[in-house]
Amino acid sequence: MTRFELGACVATPGAISALSEGGGDWRFNAAPLLARHQDGDWGDVPPADARENERALKTGLRLLSSYEHEGERLWVITEADRSSTCILLPSEY
């Protein structure tokens, strides 16, 4: 059950590289992360950040999830206005 709209989905060069490792289309590999994010599974964020995301769903603020993919940490950020969602490496923030 999706909890919010993702808007336009984009990824940074580092995220595309990480999601492409091992072969396959990066968009296909990103789909499970986007689904978890949209379902409110915030991944490996601290409890305080998870609570902030829950508040953000009600107040219209930015949402942040953190997942590991093939040994690489990836962040998924949906903008406050829900117009876009970006997958990126923390170092690209």
PDB file of N, CA and C in Angstrom:
ATOM      1  N   MET A   1       0.848  -1.187   0.000  1.00  0.00           N
ATOM      2  CA  MET A   1       0.000   0.000   0.000  1.00  0.00           C
ATOM      3  C   MET A   1       0.887   1.242   0.000  1.00  0.00           C
ATOM      4  N   THR A   2       0.807   2.016  -1.043  1.00  0.00           N
ATOM      5  CA  THR A   2       1.623   3.218  -1.107  1.00  0.00           C
ATOM      6  C   THR A   2       1.053   4.298  -0.209  1.00  0.00           C
ATOM      7  N   ARG A   3       1.957   5.030   0.420  1.00  0.00           N
ATOM      8  CA  ARG A   3       1.540   6.039   1.384  1.00  0.00           C
ATOM      9  C   ARG A   3       1.648   7.457   0.852  1.00  0.00           C
ATOM     10  N   PHE A   4       2.329   7.635  -0.284  1.00  0.00           N
ATOM     11  CA  PHE A   4       2.498   8.960  -0.864  1.00  0.00           C
ATOM     12  C   PHE A   4       2.960   8.801  -2.308  1.00  0.00           C
ATOM     13  N   GLU A   5       2.888   9.881  -3.056  1.00  0.00           N
ATOM     14  CA  GLU A   5       3.335   9.896  -4.447  1.00  0.00           C
ATOM     15  C   GLU A   5       4.836  10.169  -4.501  1.00  0.00           C
ATOM     16  N   LEU A   6       5.514   9.538  -5.440  1.00  0.00           N
ATOM     17  CA  LEU A   6       6.955   9.730  -5.608  1.00  0.00           C
ATOM     18  C   LEU A   6       7.279  10.910  -6.514  1.00  0.00           C
ATOM     19  N   GLY A   7       6.372  11.277  -7.402  1.00  0.00           N
ATOM     20  CA  GLY A   7       6.683  12.289  -8.403  1.00  0.00           C
ATOM     21  C   GLY A   7       7.655  11.716  -9.422  1.00  0.00           C
ATOM     22  N   ALA A   8       8.408  12.576 -10.072  1.00  0.00           N
ATOM     23  CA  ALA A   8       9.414  12.139 -11.047  1.00  0.00           C
ATOM     24  C   ALA A   8      10.564  11.465 -10.303  1.00  0.00           C
ATOM     25  N   CYS A   9      10.966  10.296 -10.758  1.00  0.00           N
ATOM     26  CA  CYS A   9      12.054   9.557 -10.109  1.00  0.00           C
ATOM     27  C   CYS A   9      13.339   9.735 -10.901  1.00  0.00           C
ATOM     28  N   VAL A  10      14.375  10.173 -10.201  1.00  0.00           N
ATOM     29  CA  VAL A  10      15.678  10.406 -10.802  1.00  0.00           C
ATOM     30  C   VAL A  10      16.749   9.778  -9.926  1.00  0.00           C
ATOM     31  N   ALA A  11      17.957   9.695 -10.462  1.00  0.00           N
ATOM     32  CA  ALA A  11      19.085   9.164  -9.696  1.00  0.00           C
ATOM     33  C   ALA A  11      20.349   9.896 -10.095  1.00  0.00           C
ATOM     34  N   THR A  12      21.262  10.014  -9.160  1.00  0.00           N
ATOM     35  CA  THR A  12      22.546  10.647  -9.412  1.00  0.00           C
ATOM     36  C   THR A  12      23.475   9.663 -10.120  1.00  0.00           C
ATOM     37  N   PRO A  13      24.556  10.148 -10.702  1.00  0.00           N
ATOM     38  CA  PRO A  13      25.496   9.239 -11.373  1.00  0.00           C
ATOM     39  C   PRO A  13      26.031   8.135 -10.456  1.00  0.00           C
ATOM     40  N   GLY A  14      26.352   8.466  -9.224  1.00  0.00           N
ATOM     41  CA  GLY A  14      26.858   7.450  -8.301  1.00  0.00           C
ATOM     42  C   GLY A  14      25.826   6.391  -7.986  1.00  0.00           C
ATOM     43  N   ALA A  15      24.580   6.796  -7.823  1.00  0.00           N
ATOM     44  CA  ALA A  15      23.507   5.835  -7.551  1.00  0.00           C
ATOM     45  C   ALA A  15      23.268   4.951  -8.760  1.00  0.00           C
ATOM     46  N   ILE A  16      23.283   5.533  -9.942  1.00  0.00           N
ATOM     47  CA  ILE A  16      23.103   4.740 -11.159  1.00  0.00           C
ATOM     48  C   ILE A  16      24.208   3.702 -11.270  1.00  0.00           C
ATOM     49  N   SER A  17      25.434   4.106 -10.981  1.00  0.00           N
ATOM     50  CA  SER A  17      26.560   3.167 -11.026  1.00  0.00           C
ATOM     51  C   SER A  17      26.371   2.039 -10.014  1.00  0.00           C
ATOM     52  N   ALA A  18      26.000   2.394  -8.789  1.00  0.00           N
ATOM     53  CA  ALA A  18      25.809   1.379  -7.740  1.00  0.00           C
ATOM     54  C   ALA A  18      24.666   0.433  -8.092  1.00  0.00           C
ATOM     55  N   LEU A  19      23.602   0.972  -8.651  1.00  0.00           N
ATOM     56  CA  LEU A  19      22.444   0.143  -8.996  1.00  0.00           C
ATOM     57  C   LEU A  19      22.678  -0.700 -10.251  1.00  0.00           C
ATOM     58  N   SER A  20      23.681  -0.345 -11.039  1.00  0.00           N
ATOM     59  CA  SER A  20      24.001  -1.083 -12.259  1.00  0.00           C
ATOM     60  C   SER A  20      25.024  -2.190 -12.024  1.00  0.00           C
ATOM     61  N   GLU A  21      25.708  -2.154 -10.868  1.00  0.00           N
ATOM     62  CA  GLU A  21      26.712  -3.180 -10.590  1.00  0.00           C
ATOM     63  C   GLU A  21      26.082  -4.556 -10.588  1.00  0.00           C
ATOM     64  N   GLY A  22      26.782  -5.501 -11.140  1.00  0.00           N
ATOM     65  CA  GLY A  22      26.251  -6.854 -11.222  1.00  0.00           C
ATOM     66  C   GLY A  22      25.359  -7.050 -12.434  1.00  0.00           C
ATOM     67  N   GLY A  23      25.224  -6.009 -13.240  1.00  0.00           N
ATOM     68  CA  GLY A  23      24.426  -6.107 -14.458  1.00  0.00           C
ATOM     69  C   GLY A  23      22.995  -5.687 -14.243  1.00  0.00           C
ATOM     70  N   GLY A  24      22.313  -5.564 -15.314  1.00  0.00           N
ATOM     71  CA  GLY A  24      20.903  -5.191 -15.249  1.00  0.00           C
ATOM     72  C   GLY A  24      20.702  -3.700 -15.346  1.00  0.00           C
ATOM     73  N   ASP A  25      19.489  -3.332 -15.640  1.00  0.00           N
ATOM     74  CA  ASP A  25      19.091  -1.941 -15.771  1.00  0.00           C
ATOM     75  C   ASP A  25      18.953  -1.335 -14.369  1.00  0.00           C
ATOM     76  N   TRP A  26      19.565  -0.191 -14.138  1.00  0.00           N
ATOM     77  CA  TRP A  26      19.529   0.429 -12.823  1.00  0.00           C
ATOM     78  C   TRP A  26      18.096   0.709 -12.381  1.00  0.00           C
ATOM     79  N   ARG A  27      17.212   1.033 -13.330  1.00  0.00           N
ATOM     80  CA  ARG A  27      15.816   1.338 -12.960  1.00  0.00           C
ATOM     81  C   ARG A  27      15.113   0.102 -12.414  1.00  0.00           C
ATOM     82  N   PHE A  28      15.404  -1.049 -13.003  1.00  0.00           N
ATOM     83  CA  PHE A  28      14.841  -2.308 -12.501  1.00  0.00           C
ATOM     84  C   PHE A  28      15.343  -2.571 -11.081  1.00  0.00           C
ATOM     85  N   ASN A  29      16.635  -2.365 -10.845  1.00  0.00           N
ATOM     86  CA  ASN A  29      17.216  -2.596  -9.525  1.00  0.00           C
ATOM     87  C   ASN A  29      16.754  -1.567  -8.496  1.00  0.00           C
ATOM     88  N   ALA A  30      16.375  -0.381  -8.954  1.00  0.00           N
ATOM     89  CA  ALA A  30      15.890   0.666  -8.050  1.00  0.00           C
ATOM     90  C   ALA A  30      14.444   0.441  -7.619  1.00  0.00           C
ATOM     91  N   ALA A  31      13.680  -0.286  -8.413  1.00  0.00           N
ATOM     92  CA  ALA A  31      12.243  -0.450  -8.155  1.00  0.00           C
ATOM     93  C   ALA A  31      11.925  -0.968  -6.751  1.00  0.00           C
ATOM     94  N   PRO A  32      12.631  -2.002  -6.241  1.00  0.00           N
ATOM     95  CA  PRO A  32      12.309  -2.462  -4.886  1.00  0.00           C
ATOM     96  C   PRO A  32      12.593  -1.405  -3.809  1.00  0.00           C
ATOM     97  N   LEU A  33      13.634  -0.602  -4.004  1.00  0.00           N
ATOM     98  CA  LEU A  33      13.940   0.451  -3.031  1.00  0.00           C
ATOM     99  C   LEU A  33      12.857   1.519  -3.054  1.00  0.00           C
ATOM    100  N   LEU A  34      12.436   1.899  -4.247  1.00  0.00           N
ATOM    101  CA  LEU A  34      11.370   2.897  -4.360  1.00  0.00           C
ATOM    102  C   LEU A  34      10.063   2.390  -3.771  1.00  0.00           C
ATOM    103  N   ALA A  35       9.767   1.115  -3.975  1.00  0.00           N
ATOM    104  CA  ALA A  35       8.545   0.528  -3.412  1.00  0.00           C
ATOM    105  C   ALA A  35       8.590   0.531  -1.888  1.00  0.00           C
ATOM    106  N   ARG A  36       9.730   0.147  -1.323  1.00  0.00           N
ATOM    107  CA  ARG A  36       9.861   0.166   0.146  1.00  0.00           C
ATOM    108  C   ARG A  36       9.675   1.585   0.676  1.00  0.00           C
ATOM    109  N   HIS A  37      10.327   2.540   0.040  1.00  0.00           N
ATOM    110  CA  HIS A  37      10.241   3.948   0.444  1.00  0.00           C
ATOM    111  C   HIS A  37       8.786   4.415   0.397  1.00  0.00           C
ATOM    112  N   GLN A  38       8.111   4.139  -0.711  1.00  0.00           N
ATOM    113  CA  GLN A  38       6.729   4.587  -0.889  1.00  0.00           C
ATOM    114  C   GLN A  38       5.767   3.892   0.069  1.00  0.00           C
ATOM    115  N   ASP A  39       6.124   2.702   0.521  1.00  0.00           N
ATOM    116  CA  ASP A  39       5.294   1.975   1.483  1.00  0.00           C
ATOM    117  C   ASP A  39       5.550   2.396   2.932  1.00  0.00           C
ATOM    118  N   GLY A  40       6.538   3.278   3.147  1.00  0.00           N
ATOM    119  CA  GLY A  40       6.845   3.730   4.501  1.00  0.00           C
ATOM    120  C   GLY A  40       7.836   2.848   5.232  1.00  0.00           C
ATOM    121  N   ASP A  41       8.540   1.989   4.512  1.00  0.00           N
ATOM    122  CA  ASP A  41       9.658   1.223   5.083  1.00  0.00           C
ATOM    123  C   ASP A  41      10.889   2.089   4.861  1.00  0.00           C
ATOM    124  N   TRP A  42      11.305   2.792   5.905  1.00  0.00           N
ATOM    125  CA  TRP A  42      12.358   3.797   5.782  1.00  0.00           C
ATOM    126  C   TRP A  42      13.761   3.196   5.781  1.00  0.00           C
ATOM    127  N   GLY A  43      13.846   1.880   5.881  1.00  0.00           N
ATOM    128  CA  GLY A  43      15.159   1.229   5.804  1.00  0.00           C
ATOM    129  C   GLY A  43      15.972   1.414   7.072  1.00  0.00           C
ATOM    130  N   ASP A  44      17.229   1.766   6.867  1.00  0.00           N
ATOM    131  CA  ASP A  44      18.195   1.840   7.971  1.00  0.00           C
ATOM    132  C   ASP A  44      18.389   3.256   8.492  1.00  0.00           C
ATOM    133  N   VAL A  45      17.307   3.957   8.761  1.00  0.00           N
ATOM    134  CA  VAL A  45      17.428   5.281   9.372  1.00  0.00           C
ATOM    135  C   VAL A  45      17.283   5.131  10.886  1.00  0.00           C
ATOM    136  N   PRO A  46      17.880   6.046  11.649  1.00  0.00           N
ATOM    137  CA  PRO A  46      17.695   6.000  13.102  1.00  0.00           C
ATOM    138  C   PRO A  46      16.218   6.178  13.471  1.00  0.00           C
ATOM    139  N   PRO A  47      15.816   5.672  14.624  1.00  0.00           N
ATOM    140  CA  PRO A  47      14.410   5.795  15.041  1.00  0.00           C
ATOM    141  C   PRO A  47      13.881   7.231  15.008  1.00  0.00           C
ATOM    142  N   ALA A  48      14.708   8.192  15.378  1.00  0.00           N
ATOM    143  CA  ALA A  48      14.255   9.591  15.356  1.00  0.00           C
ATOM    144  C   ALA A  48      13.940  10.044  13.939  1.00  0.00           C
ATOM    145  N   ASP A  49      14.719   9.600  12.961  1.00  0.00           N
ATOM    146  CA  ASP A  49      14.467   9.966  11.569  1.00  0.00           C
ATOM    147  C   ASP A  49      13.209   9.266  11.049  1.00  0.00           C
ATOM    148  N   ALA A  50      12.987   8.033  11.479  1.00  0.00           N
ATOM    149  CA  ALA A  50      11.764   7.326  11.086  1.00  0.00           C
ATOM    150  C   ALA A  50      10.536   8.056  11.629  1.00  0.00           C
ATOM    151  N   ARG A  51      10.613   8.512  12.875  1.00  0.00           N
ATOM    152  CA  ARG A  51       9.501   9.275  13.454  1.00  0.00           C
ATOM    153  C   ARG A  51       9.301  10.587  12.687  1.00  0.00           C
ATOM    154  N   GLU A  52      10.396  11.227  12.291  1.00  0.00           N
ATOM    155  CA  GLU A  52      10.306  12.471  11.525  1.00  0.00           C
ATOM    156  C   GLU A  52       9.643  12.226  10.171  1.00  0.00           C
ATOM    157  N   ASN A  53       9.956  11.104   9.547  1.00  0.00           N
ATOM    158  CA  ASN A  53       9.290  10.755   8.289  1.00  0.00           C
ATOM    159  C   ASN A  53       7.789  10.575   8.486  1.00  0.00           C
ATOM    160  N   GLU A  54       7.412   9.921   9.570  1.00  0.00           N
ATOM    161  CA  GLU A  54       5.975   9.734   9.847  1.00  0.00           C
ATOM    162  C   GLU A  54       5.289  11.082  10.036  1.00  0.00           C
ATOM    163  N   ARG A  55       5.950  12.005  10.722  1.00  0.00           N
ATOM    164  CA  ARG A  55       5.405  13.361  10.878  1.00  0.00           C
ATOM    165  C   ARG A  55       5.331  14.062   9.516  1.00  0.00           C
ATOM    166  N   ALA A  56       6.366  13.867   8.704  1.00  0.00           N
ATOM    167  CA  ALA A  56       6.435  14.509   7.392  1.00  0.00           C
ATOM    168  C   ALA A  56       5.292  14.069   6.481  1.00  0.00           C
ATOM    169  N   LEU A  57       4.832  12.830   6.649  1.00  0.00           N
ATOM    170  CA  LEU A  57       3.692  12.368   5.861  1.00  0.00           C
ATOM    171  C   LEU A  57       2.444  13.198   6.152  1.00  0.00           C
ATOM    172  N   LYS A  58       2.317  13.658   7.386  1.00  0.00           N
ATOM    173  CA  LYS A  58       1.142  14.429   7.796  1.00  0.00           C
ATOM    174  C   LYS A  58       1.307  15.921   7.540  1.00  0.00           C
ATOM    175  N   THR A  59       2.552  16.404   7.611  1.00  0.00           N
ATOM    176  CA  THR A  59       2.786  17.842   7.521  1.00  0.00           C
ATOM    177  C   THR A  59       3.336  18.282   6.177  1.00  0.00           C
ATOM    178  N   GLY A  60       3.631  17.336   5.293  1.00  0.00           N
ATOM    179  CA  GLY A  60       4.103  17.694   3.962  1.00  0.00           C
ATOM    180  C   GLY A  60       5.555  18.105   3.898  1.00  0.00           C
ATOM    181  N   LEU A  61       6.410  17.445   4.655  1.00  0.00           N
ATOM    182  CA  LEU A  61       7.840  17.731   4.603  1.00  0.00           C
ATOM    183  C   LEU A  61       8.572  16.638   3.816  1.00  0.00           C
ATOM    184  N   ARG A  62       9.847  16.846   3.625  1.00  0.00           N
ATOM    185  CA  ARG A  62      10.679  15.917   2.866  1.00  0.00           C
ATOM    186  C   ARG A  62      10.787  14.568   3.572  1.00  0.00           C
ATOM    187  N   LEU A  63      10.924  13.490   2.780  1.00  0.00           N
ATOM    188  CA  LEU A  63      11.046  12.123   3.302  1.00  0.00           C
ATOM    189  C   LEU A  63      12.402  11.555   2.915  1.00  0.00           C
ATOM    190  N   LEU A  64      13.042  10.841   3.848  1.00  0.00           N
ATOM    191  CA  LEU A  64      14.358  10.261   3.599  1.00  0.00           C
ATOM    192  C   LEU A  64      14.379   8.807   4.058  1.00  0.00           C
ATOM    193  N   SER A  65      14.825   7.930   3.154  1.00  0.00           N
ATOM    194  CA  SER A  65      15.055   6.525   3.490  1.00  0.00           C
ATOM    195  C   SER A  65      16.508   6.194   3.198  1.00  0.00           C
ATOM    196  N   SER A  66      16.991   5.126   3.822  1.00  0.00           N
ATOM    197  CA  SER A  66      18.372   4.692   3.621  1.00  0.00           C
ATOM    198  C   SER A  66      18.396   3.171   3.492  1.00  0.00           C
ATOM    199  N   TYR A  67      18.983   2.697   2.402  1.00  0.00           N
ATOM    200  CA  TYR A  67      19.025   1.261   2.138  1.00  0.00           C
ATOM    201  C   TYR A  67      20.423   0.850   1.706  1.00  0.00           C
ATOM    202  N   GLU A  68      20.740  -0.422   1.917  1.00  0.00           N
ATOM    203  CA  GLU A  68      21.968  -0.982   1.384  1.00  0.00           C
ATOM    204  C   GLU A  68      21.622  -1.787   0.138  1.00  0.00           C
ATOM    205  N   HIS A  69      22.420  -1.589  -0.909  1.00  0.00           N
ATOM    206  CA  HIS A  69      22.255  -2.347  -2.149  1.00  0.00           C
ATOM    207  C   HIS A  69      23.632  -2.788  -2.620  1.00  0.00           C
ATOM    208  N   GLU A  70      23.840  -4.097  -2.669  1.00  0.00           N
ATOM    209  CA  GLU A  70      25.113  -4.651  -3.142  1.00  0.00           C
ATOM    210  C   GLU A  70      26.307  -4.029  -2.397  1.00  0.00           C
ATOM    211  N   GLY A  71      26.151  -3.849  -1.089  1.00  0.00           N
ATOM    212  CA  GLY A  71      27.234  -3.314  -0.270  1.00  0.00           C
ATOM    213  C   GLY A  71      27.394  -1.806  -0.323  1.00  0.00           C
ATOM    214  N   GLU A  72      26.519  -1.123  -1.014  1.00  0.00           N
ATOM    215  CA  GLU A  72      26.588   0.336  -1.149  1.00  0.00           C
ATOM    216  C   GLU A  72      25.385   0.964  -0.455  1.00  0.00           C
ATOM    217  N   ARG A  73      25.605   2.019   0.306  1.00  0.00           N
ATOM    218  CA  ARG A  73      24.531   2.752   0.975  1.00  0.00           C
ATOM    219  C   ARG A  73      23.883   3.701  -0.032  1.00  0.00           C
ATOM    220  N   LEU A  74      22.565   3.661  -0.119  1.00  0.00           N
ATOM    221  CA  LEU A  74      21.807   4.552  -0.991  1.00  0.00           C
ATOM    222  C   LEU A  74      20.742   5.277  -0.186  1.00  0.00           C
ATOM    223  N   TRP A  75      20.581   6.535  -0.471  1.00  0.00           N
ATOM    224  CA  TRP A  75      19.504   7.310   0.117  1.00  0.00           C
ATOM    225  C   TRP A  75      18.423   7.514  -0.933  1.00  0.00           C
ATOM    226  N   VAL A  76      17.180   7.551  -0.473  1.00  0.00           N
ATOM    227  CA  VAL A  76      16.039   7.883  -1.319  1.00  0.00           C
ATOM    228  C   VAL A  76      15.352   9.074  -0.658  1.00  0.00           C
ATOM    229  N   ILE A  77      15.269  10.172  -1.390  1.00  0.00           N
ATOM    230  CA  ILE A  77      14.695  11.403  -0.841  1.00  0.00           C
ATOM    231  C   ILE A  77      13.539  11.857  -1.717  1.00  0.00           C
ATOM    232  N   THR A  78      12.376  12.022  -1.102  1.00  0.00           N
ATOM    233  CA  THR A  78      11.210  12.587  -1.793  1.00  0.00           C
ATOM    234  C   THR A  78      11.025  14.009  -1.293  1.00  0.00           C
ATOM    235  N   GLU A  79      10.896  14.924  -2.238  1.00  0.00           N
ATOM    236  CA  GLU A  79      10.741  16.337  -1.899  1.00  0.00           C
ATOM    237  C   GLU A  79       9.431  16.593  -1.165  1.00  0.00           C
ATOM    238  N   ALA A  80       9.400  17.668  -0.433  1.00  0.00           N
ATOM    239  CA  ALA A  80       8.240  18.008   0.391  1.00  0.00           C
ATOM    240  C   ALA A  80       6.961  18.122  -0.430  1.00  0.00           C
ATOM    241  N   ASP A  81       7.063  18.665  -1.635  1.00  0.00           N
ATOM    242  CA  ASP A  81       5.862  18.828  -2.456  1.00  0.00           C
ATOM    243  C   ASP A  81       5.509  17.566  -3.252  1.00  0.00           C
ATOM    244  N   ARG A  82       6.289  16.498  -3.029  1.00  0.00           N
ATOM    245  CA  ARG A  82       6.088  15.182  -3.662  1.00  0.00           C
ATOM    246  C   ARG A  82       6.211  15.254  -5.190  1.00  0.00           C
ATOM    247  N   SER A  83       6.931  16.265  -5.681  1.00  0.00           N
ATOM    248  CA  SER A  83       7.110  16.415  -7.129  1.00  0.00           C
ATOM    249  C   SER A  83       8.207  15.511  -7.670  1.00  0.00           C
ATOM    250  N   SER A  84       9.139  15.101  -6.819  1.00  0.00           N
ATOM    251  CA  SER A  84      10.232  14.248  -7.296  1.00  0.00           C
ATOM    252  C   SER A  84      10.838  13.447  -6.156  1.00  0.00           C
ATOM    253  N   THR A  85      11.460  12.347  -6.567  1.00  0.00           N
ATOM    254  CA  THR A  85      12.197  11.469  -5.651  1.00  0.00           C
ATOM    255  C   THR A  85      13.543  11.193  -6.283  1.00  0.00           C
ATOM    256  N   CYS A  86      14.591  11.326  -5.488  1.00  0.00           N
ATOM    257  CA  CYS A  86      15.952  11.130  -5.985  1.00  0.00           C
ATOM    258  C   CYS A  86      16.634  10.009  -5.203  1.00  0.00           C
ATOM    259  N   ILE A  87      17.312   9.131  -5.927  1.00  0.00           N
ATOM    260  CA  ILE A  87      18.160   8.102  -5.321  1.00  0.00           C
ATOM    261  C   ILE A  87      19.596   8.594  -5.459  1.00  0.00           C
ATOM    262  N   LEU A  88      20.344   8.583  -4.372  1.00  0.00           N
ATOM    263  CA  LEU A  88      21.694   9.086  -4.384  1.00  0.00           C
ATOM    264  C   LEU A  88      22.566   8.386  -3.358  1.00  0.00           C
ATOM    265  N   LEU A  89      23.875   8.528  -3.530  1.00  0.00           N
ATOM    266  CA  LEU A  89      24.813   8.099  -2.512  1.00  0.00           C
ATOM    267  C   LEU A  89      24.884   9.193  -1.462  1.00  0.00           C
ATOM    268  N   PRO A  90      25.075   8.846  -0.194  1.00  0.00           N
ATOM    269  CA  PRO A  90      25.203   9.908   0.825  1.00  0.00           C
ATOM    270  C   PRO A  90      26.289  10.916   0.483  1.00  0.00           C
ATOM    271  N   SER A  91      27.376  10.484  -0.151  1.00  0.00           N
ATOM    272  CA  SER A  91      28.464  11.399  -0.508  1.00  0.00           C
ATOM    273  C   SER A  91      28.058  12.399  -1.589  1.00  0.00           C
ATOM    274  N   GLU A  92      26.940  12.145  -2.275  1.00  0.00           N
ATOM    275  CA  GLU A  92      26.464  13.047  -3.326  1.00  0.00           C
ATOM    276  C   GLU A  92      25.460  14.066  -2.803  1.00  0.00           C
ATOM    277  N   TYR A  93      25.162  14.013  -1.539  1.00  0.00           N
ATOM    278  CA  TYR A  93      24.176  14.925  -0.957  1.00  0.00           C
ATOM    279  C   TYR A  93      24.744  16.332  -0.852  1.00  0.00           C
TER     280      TYR A  93
END
